Amino acid sequence: AATKSGTGPTTTRVYGYWGQGAQVTVSA
């Protein structure tokens, strides 16, 4: 995700742009 804001970088709502996602699967 990308945001031009430097406030609250751990909060989802500050991000206005998102990638499509990448699946990560870790087997035991």
PDB file of all heavy atoms in Angstrom:
ATOM      1  N   ALA A   1       0.832  -1.184   0.000  1.00  0.00           N
ATOM      2  CA  ALA A   1       0.000   0.000   0.000  1.00  0.00           C
ATOM      3  C   ALA A   1       0.873   1.243   0.000  1.00  0.00           C
ATOM      4  O   ALA A   1       2.024   1.211   0.443  1.00  0.00           O
ATOM      5  CB  ALA A   1      -0.928   0.003   1.220  1.00  0.00           C
ATOM      6  N   ALA A   2       0.318   2.317  -0.485  1.00  0.00           N
ATOM      7  CA  ALA A   2       1.056   3.566  -0.579  1.00  0.00           C
ATOM      8  C   ALA A   2       0.239   4.717  -0.032  1.00  0.00           C
ATOM      9  O   ALA A   2      -0.977   4.779  -0.216  1.00  0.00           O
ATOM     10  CB  ALA A   2       1.446   3.845  -2.029  1.00  0.00           C
ATOM     11  N   THR A   3       0.924   5.621   0.634  1.00  0.00           N
ATOM     12  CA  THR A   3       0.284   6.819   1.138  1.00  0.00           C
ATOM     13  C   THR A   3       1.280   7.961   1.108  1.00  0.00           C
ATOM     14  O   THR A   3       2.482   7.757   1.294  1.00  0.00           O
ATOM     15  CB  THR A   3      -0.251   6.631   2.565  1.00  0.00           C
ATOM     16  OG1 THR A   3      -0.842   7.853   3.022  1.00  0.00           O
ATOM     17  CG2 THR A   3       0.869   6.259   3.533  1.00  0.00           C
ATOM     18  N   LYS A   4       0.783   9.149   0.891  1.00  0.00           N
ATOM     19  CA  LYS A   4       1.629  10.329   0.964  1.00  0.00           C
ATOM     20  C   LYS A   4       1.697  10.876   2.371  1.00  0.00           C
ATOM     21  O   LYS A   4       2.450  11.808   2.643  1.00  0.00           O
ATOM     22  CB  LYS A   4       1.116  11.410   0.011  1.00  0.00           C
ATOM     23  CG  LYS A   4       1.343  11.093  -1.459  1.00  0.00           C
ATOM     24  CD  LYS A   4       0.970  12.271  -2.333  1.00  0.00           C
ATOM     25  CE  LYS A   4       1.291  11.980  -3.791  1.00  0.00           C
ATOM     26  NZ  LYS A   4       0.961  13.137  -4.658  1.00  0.00           N
ATOM     27  N   SER A   5       0.922  10.302   3.250  1.00  0.00           N
ATOM     28  CA  SER A   5       0.912  10.715   4.641  1.00  0.00           C
ATOM     29  C   SER A   5       1.966   9.962   5.423  1.00  0.00           C
ATOM     30  O   SER A   5       2.141   8.751   5.251  1.00  0.00           O
ATOM     31  CB  SER A   5      -0.457  10.477   5.268  1.00  0.00           C
ATOM     32  OG  SER A   5      -0.435  10.747   6.657  1.00  0.00           O
ATOM     33  N   GLY A   6       2.648  10.674   6.295  1.00  0.00           N
ATOM     34  CA  GLY A   6       3.637  10.051   7.150  1.00  0.00           C
ATOM     35  C   GLY A   6       3.103   9.778   8.535  1.00  0.00           C
ATOM     36  O   GLY A   6       3.854   9.367   9.419  1.00  0.00           O
ATOM     37  N   THR A   7       1.824   9.982   8.706  1.00  0.00           N
ATOM     38  CA  THR A   7       1.181   9.796   9.992  1.00  0.00           C
ATOM     39  C   THR A   7       0.448   8.470  10.047  1.00  0.00           C
ATOM     40  O   THR A   7      -0.366   8.172   9.177  1.00  0.00           O
ATOM     41  CB  THR A   7       0.191  10.930  10.275  1.00  0.00           C
ATOM     42  OG1 THR A   7       0.873  12.188  10.228  1.00  0.00           O
ATOM     43  CG2 THR A   7      -0.443  10.768  11.646  1.00  0.00           C
ATOM     44  N   GLY A   8       0.732   7.701  11.053  1.00  0.00           N
ATOM     45  CA  GLY A   8       0.056   6.431  11.260  1.00  0.00           C
ATOM     46  C   GLY A   8       0.324   5.388  10.198  1.00  0.00           C
ATOM     47  O   GLY A   8      -0.629   4.834   9.615  1.00  0.00           O
ATOM     48  N   PRO A   9       1.591   5.098   9.918  1.00  0.00           N
ATOM     49  CA  PRO A   9       1.906   4.146   8.850  1.00  0.00           C
ATOM     50  C   PRO A   9       1.482   2.717   9.129  1.00  0.00           C
ATOM     51  O   PRO A   9       1.574   1.874   8.230  1.00  0.00           O
ATOM     52  CB  PRO A   9       3.437   4.256   8.730  1.00  0.00           C
ATOM     53  CG  PRO A   9       3.888   4.695  10.084  1.00  0.00           C
ATOM     54  CD  PRO A   9       2.820   5.627  10.557  1.00  0.00           C
ATOM     55  N   THR A  10       1.056   2.431  10.345  1.00  0.00           N
ATOM     56  CA  THR A  10       0.608   1.087  10.673  1.00  0.00           C
ATOM     57  C   THR A  10      -0.900   0.944  10.569  1.00  0.00           C
ATOM     58  O   THR A  10      -1.440  -0.125  10.845  1.00  0.00           O
ATOM     59  CB  THR A  10       1.045   0.691  12.096  1.00  0.00           C
ATOM     60  OG1 THR A  10       0.388   1.527  13.064  1.00  0.00           O
ATOM     61  CG2 THR A  10       2.556   0.859  12.260  1.00  0.00           C
ATOM     62  N   THR A  11      -1.563   1.988  10.167  1.00  0.00           N
ATOM     63  CA  THR A  11      -3.015   2.007  10.093  1.00  0.00           C
ATOM     64  C   THR A  11      -3.482   1.917   8.657  1.00  0.00           C
ATOM     65  O   THR A  11      -3.042   2.687   7.806  1.00  0.00           O
ATOM     66  CB  THR A  11      -3.575   3.282  10.738  1.00  0.00           C
ATOM     67  OG1 THR A  11      -3.099   3.397  12.079  1.00  0.00           O
ATOM     68  CG2 THR A  11      -5.092   3.256  10.759  1.00  0.00           C
ATOM     69  N   THR A  12      -4.371   1.003   8.386  1.00  0.00           N
ATOM     70  CA  THR A  12      -4.822   0.768   7.026  1.00  0.00           C
ATOM     71  C   THR A  12      -5.476   1.989   6.402  1.00  0.00           C
ATOM     72  O   THR A  12      -5.316   2.237   5.202  1.00  0.00           O
ATOM     73  CB  THR A  12      -5.808  -0.409   6.963  1.00  0.00           C
ATOM     74  OG1 THR A  12      -6.949  -0.135   7.789  1.00  0.00           O
ATOM     75  CG2 THR A  12      -5.136  -1.689   7.445  1.00  0.00           C
ATOM     76  N   ARG A  13      -6.183   2.750   7.191  1.00  0.00           N
ATOM     77  CA  ARG A  13      -6.983   3.827   6.634  1.00  0.00           C
ATOM     78  C   ARG A  13      -6.164   4.983   6.085  1.00  0.00           C
ATOM     79  O   ARG A  13      -6.708   5.820   5.357  1.00  0.00           O
ATOM     80  CB  ARG A  13      -7.979   4.347   7.666  1.00  0.00           C
ATOM     81  CG  ARG A  13      -7.368   5.046   8.866  1.00  0.00           C
ATOM     82  CD  ARG A  13      -8.463   5.582   9.769  1.00  0.00           C
ATOM     83  NE  ARG A  13      -7.946   6.295  10.929  1.00  0.00           N
ATOM     84  CZ  ARG A  13      -8.690   6.958  11.798  1.00  0.00           C
ATOM     85  NH1 ARG A  13     -10.005   6.987  11.645  1.00  0.00           N
ATOM     86  NH2 ARG A  13      -8.127   7.576  12.823  1.00  0.00           N
ATOM     87  N   VAL A  14      -4.905   5.075   6.407  1.00  0.00           N
ATOM     88  CA  VAL A  14      -4.085   6.164   5.883  1.00  0.00           C
ATOM     89  C   VAL A  14      -3.598   5.874   4.469  1.00  0.00           C
ATOM     90  O   VAL A  14      -3.078   6.770   3.807  1.00  0.00           O
ATOM     91  CB  VAL A  14      -2.881   6.471   6.790  1.00  0.00           C
ATOM     92  CG1 VAL A  14      -3.326   6.702   8.220  1.00  0.00           C
ATOM     93  CG2 VAL A  14      -1.837   5.370   6.731  1.00  0.00           C
ATOM     94  N   TYR A  15      -3.762   4.652   4.026  1.00  0.00           N
ATOM     95  CA  TYR A  15      -3.291   4.266   2.699  1.00  0.00           C
ATOM     96  C   TYR A  15      -4.399   4.387   1.663  1.00  0.00           C
ATOM     97  O   TYR A  15      -5.475   3.813   1.828  1.00  0.00           O
ATOM     98  CB  TYR A  15      -2.734   2.847   2.722  1.00  0.00           C
ATOM     99  CG  TYR A  15      -1.482   2.724   3.546  1.00  0.00           C
ATOM    100  CD1 TYR A  15      -1.543   2.410   4.899  1.00  0.00           C
ATOM    101  CD2 TYR A  15      -0.236   2.939   2.971  1.00  0.00           C
ATOM    102  CE1 TYR A  15      -0.390   2.320   5.657  1.00  0.00           C
ATOM    103  CE2 TYR A  15       0.917   2.846   3.721  1.00  0.00           C
ATOM    104  CZ  TYR A  15       0.840   2.536   5.065  1.00  0.00           C
ATOM    105  OH  TYR A  15       1.992   2.444   5.816  1.00  0.00           O
ATOM    106  N   GLY A  16      -4.111   5.100   0.610  1.00  0.00           N
ATOM    107  CA  GLY A  16      -5.096   5.308  -0.428  1.00  0.00           C
ATOM    108  C   GLY A  16      -4.907   4.449  -1.655  1.00  0.00           C
ATOM    109  O   GLY A  16      -5.798   4.370  -2.509  1.00  0.00           O
ATOM    110  N   TYR A  17      -3.771   3.805  -1.751  1.00  0.00           N
ATOM    111  CA  TYR A  17      -3.465   2.994  -2.924  1.00  0.00           C
ATOM    112  C   TYR A  17      -3.005   1.616  -2.485  1.00  0.00           C
ATOM    113  O   TYR A  17      -2.173   1.489  -1.583  1.00  0.00           O
ATOM    114  CB  TYR A  17      -2.385   3.669  -3.776  1.00  0.00           C
ATOM    115  CG  TYR A  17      -2.722   5.094  -4.121  1.00  0.00           C
ATOM    116  CD1 TYR A  17      -2.209   6.141  -3.369  1.00  0.00           C
ATOM    117  CD2 TYR A  17      -3.564   5.390  -5.185  1.00  0.00           C
ATOM    118  CE1 TYR A  17      -2.525   7.451  -3.667  1.00  0.00           C
ATOM    119  CE2 TYR A  17      -3.885   6.701  -5.491  1.00  0.00           C
ATOM    120  CZ  TYR A  17      -3.365   7.726  -4.733  1.00  0.00           C
ATOM    121  OH  TYR A  17      -3.684   9.032  -5.038  1.00  0.00           O
ATOM    122  N   TRP A  18      -3.529   0.605  -3.133  1.00  0.00           N
ATOM    123  CA  TRP A  18      -3.268  -0.769  -2.752  1.00  0.00           C
ATOM    124  C   TRP A  18      -2.920  -1.635  -3.953  1.00  0.00           C
ATOM    125  O   TRP A  18      -3.465  -1.465  -5.035  1.00  0.00           O
ATOM    126  CB  TRP A  18      -4.490  -1.371  -2.055  1.00  0.00           C
ATOM    127  CG  TRP A  18      -4.796  -0.727  -0.741  1.00  0.00           C
ATOM    128  CD1 TRP A  18      -5.510   0.420  -0.540  1.00  0.00           C
ATOM    129  CD2 TRP A  18      -4.388  -1.188   0.543  1.00  0.00           C
ATOM    130  NE1 TRP A  18      -5.574   0.696   0.813  1.00  0.00           N
ATOM    131  CE2 TRP A  18      -4.897  -0.273   1.490  1.00  0.00           C
ATOM    132  CE3 TRP A  18      -3.651  -2.286   0.984  1.00  0.00           C
ATOM    133  CZ2 TRP A  18      -4.684  -0.437   2.858  1.00  0.00           C
ATOM    134  CZ3 TRP A  18      -3.441  -2.442   2.342  1.00  0.00           C
ATOM    135  CH2 TRP A  18      -3.957  -1.523   3.260  1.00  0.00           C
ATOM    136  N   GLY A  19      -2.018  -2.571  -3.729  1.00  0.00           N
ATOM    137  CA  GLY A  19      -1.720  -3.569  -4.728  1.00  0.00           C
ATOM    138  C   GLY A  19      -2.795  -4.630  -4.736  1.00  0.00           C
ATOM    139  O   GLY A  19      -3.725  -4.611  -3.931  1.00  0.00           O
ATOM    140  N   GLN A  20      -2.664  -5.572  -5.643  1.00  0.00           N
ATOM    141  CA  GLN A  20      -3.676  -6.609  -5.794  1.00  0.00           C
ATOM    142  C   GLN A  20      -3.499  -7.767  -4.822  1.00  0.00           C
ATOM    143  O   GLN A  20      -4.412  -8.580  -4.660  1.00  0.00           O
ATOM    144  CB  GLN A  20      -3.673  -7.145  -7.226  1.00  0.00           C
ATOM    145  CG  GLN A  20      -4.093  -6.106  -8.251  1.00  0.00           C
ATOM    146  CD  GLN A  20      -5.491  -5.601  -7.997  1.00  0.00           C
ATOM    147  OE1 GLN A  20      -6.436  -6.383  -7.873  1.00  0.00           O
ATOM    148  NE2 GLN A  20      -5.647  -4.279  -7.912  1.00  0.00           N
ATOM    149  N   GLY A  21      -2.366  -7.840  -4.192  1.00  0.00           N
ATOM    150  CA  GLY A  21      -2.124  -8.883  -3.218  1.00  0.00           C
ATOM    151  C   GLY A  21      -1.323 -10.041  -3.780  1.00  0.00           C
ATOM    152  O   GLY A  21      -1.396 -10.350  -4.965  1.00  0.00           O
ATOM    153  N   ALA A  22      -0.567 -10.655  -2.924  1.00  0.00           N
ATOM    154  CA  ALA A  22       0.222 -11.827  -3.276  1.00  0.00           C
ATOM    155  C   ALA A  22       0.001 -12.896  -2.218  1.00  0.00           C
ATOM    156  O   ALA A  22       0.141 -12.630  -1.027  1.00  0.00           O
ATOM    157  CB  ALA A  22       1.707 -11.478  -3.375  1.00  0.00           C
ATOM    158  N   GLN A  23      -0.327 -14.080  -2.661  1.00  0.00           N
ATOM    159  CA  GLN A  23      -0.592 -15.170  -1.735  1.00  0.00           C
ATOM    160  C   GLN A  23       0.701 -15.773  -1.231  1.00  0.00           C
ATOM    161  O   GLN A  23       1.580 -16.140  -2.015  1.00  0.00           O
ATOM    162  CB  GLN A  23      -1.434 -16.254  -2.408  1.00  0.00           C
ATOM    163  CG  GLN A  23      -1.715 -17.468  -1.522  1.00  0.00           C
ATOM    164  CD  GLN A  23      -2.625 -17.128  -0.359  1.00  0.00           C
ATOM    165  OE1 GLN A  23      -3.709 -16.577  -0.557  1.00  0.00           O
ATOM    166  NE2 GLN A  23      -2.189 -17.454   0.864  1.00  0.00           N
ATOM    167  N   VAL A  24       0.807 -15.868   0.066  1.00  0.00           N
ATOM    168  CA  VAL A  24       1.929 -16.520   0.711  1.00  0.00           C
ATOM    169  C   VAL A  24       1.379 -17.665   1.538  1.00  0.00           C
ATOM    170  O   VAL A  24       0.529 -17.461   2.405  1.00  0.00           O
ATOM    171  CB  VAL A  24       2.721 -15.556   1.611  1.00  0.00           C
ATOM    172  CG1 VAL A  24       3.776 -16.314   2.419  1.00  0.00           C
ATOM    173  CG2 VAL A  24       3.370 -14.469   0.772  1.00  0.00           C
ATOM    174  N   THR A  25       1.850 -18.850   1.254  1.00  0.00           N
ATOM    175  CA  THR A  25       1.414 -20.022   1.987  1.00  0.00           C
ATOM    176  C   THR A  25       2.632 -20.726   2.563  1.00  0.00           C
ATOM    177  O   THR A  25       3.561 -21.071   1.832  1.00  0.00           O
ATOM    178  CB  THR A  25       0.639 -20.993   1.089  1.00  0.00           C
ATOM    179  OG1 THR A  25      -0.488 -20.326   0.512  1.00  0.00           O
ATOM    180  CG2 THR A  25       0.145 -22.185   1.898  1.00  0.00           C
ATOM    181  N   VAL A  26       2.606 -20.910   3.853  1.00  0.00           N
ATOM    182  CA  VAL A  26       3.711 -21.555   4.548  1.00  0.00           C
ATOM    183  C   VAL A  26       3.211 -22.862   5.122  1.00  0.00           C
ATOM    184  O   VAL A  26       2.299 -22.881   5.954  1.00  0.00           O
ATOM    185  CB  VAL A  26       4.275 -20.670   5.667  1.00  0.00           C
ATOM    186  CG1 VAL A  26       5.489 -21.330   6.306  1.00  0.00           C
ATOM    187  CG2 VAL A  26       4.632 -19.296   5.130  1.00  0.00           C
ATOM    188  N   SER A  27       3.785 -23.943   4.680  1.00  0.00           N
ATOM    189  CA  SER A  27       3.382 -25.250   5.152  1.00  0.00           C
ATOM    190  C   SER A  27       4.193 -25.652   6.367  1.00  0.00           C
ATOM    191  O   SER A  27       5.360 -25.271   6.518  1.00  0.00           O
ATOM    192  CB  SER A  27       3.540 -26.296   4.049  1.00  0.00           C
ATOM    193  OG  SER A  27       4.897 -26.417   3.652  1.00  0.00           O
ATOM    194  N   ALA A  28       3.583 -26.435   7.220  1.00  0.00           N
ATOM    195  CA  ALA A  28       4.243 -26.886   8.426  1.00  0.00           C
ATOM    196  C   ALA A  28       5.320 -27.914   8.120  1.00  0.00           C
ATOM    197  O   ALA A  28       5.264 -28.622   7.115  1.00  0.00           O
ATOM    198  CB  ALA A  28       3.235 -27.467   9.407  1.00  0.00           C
TER     199      ALA A  28
END
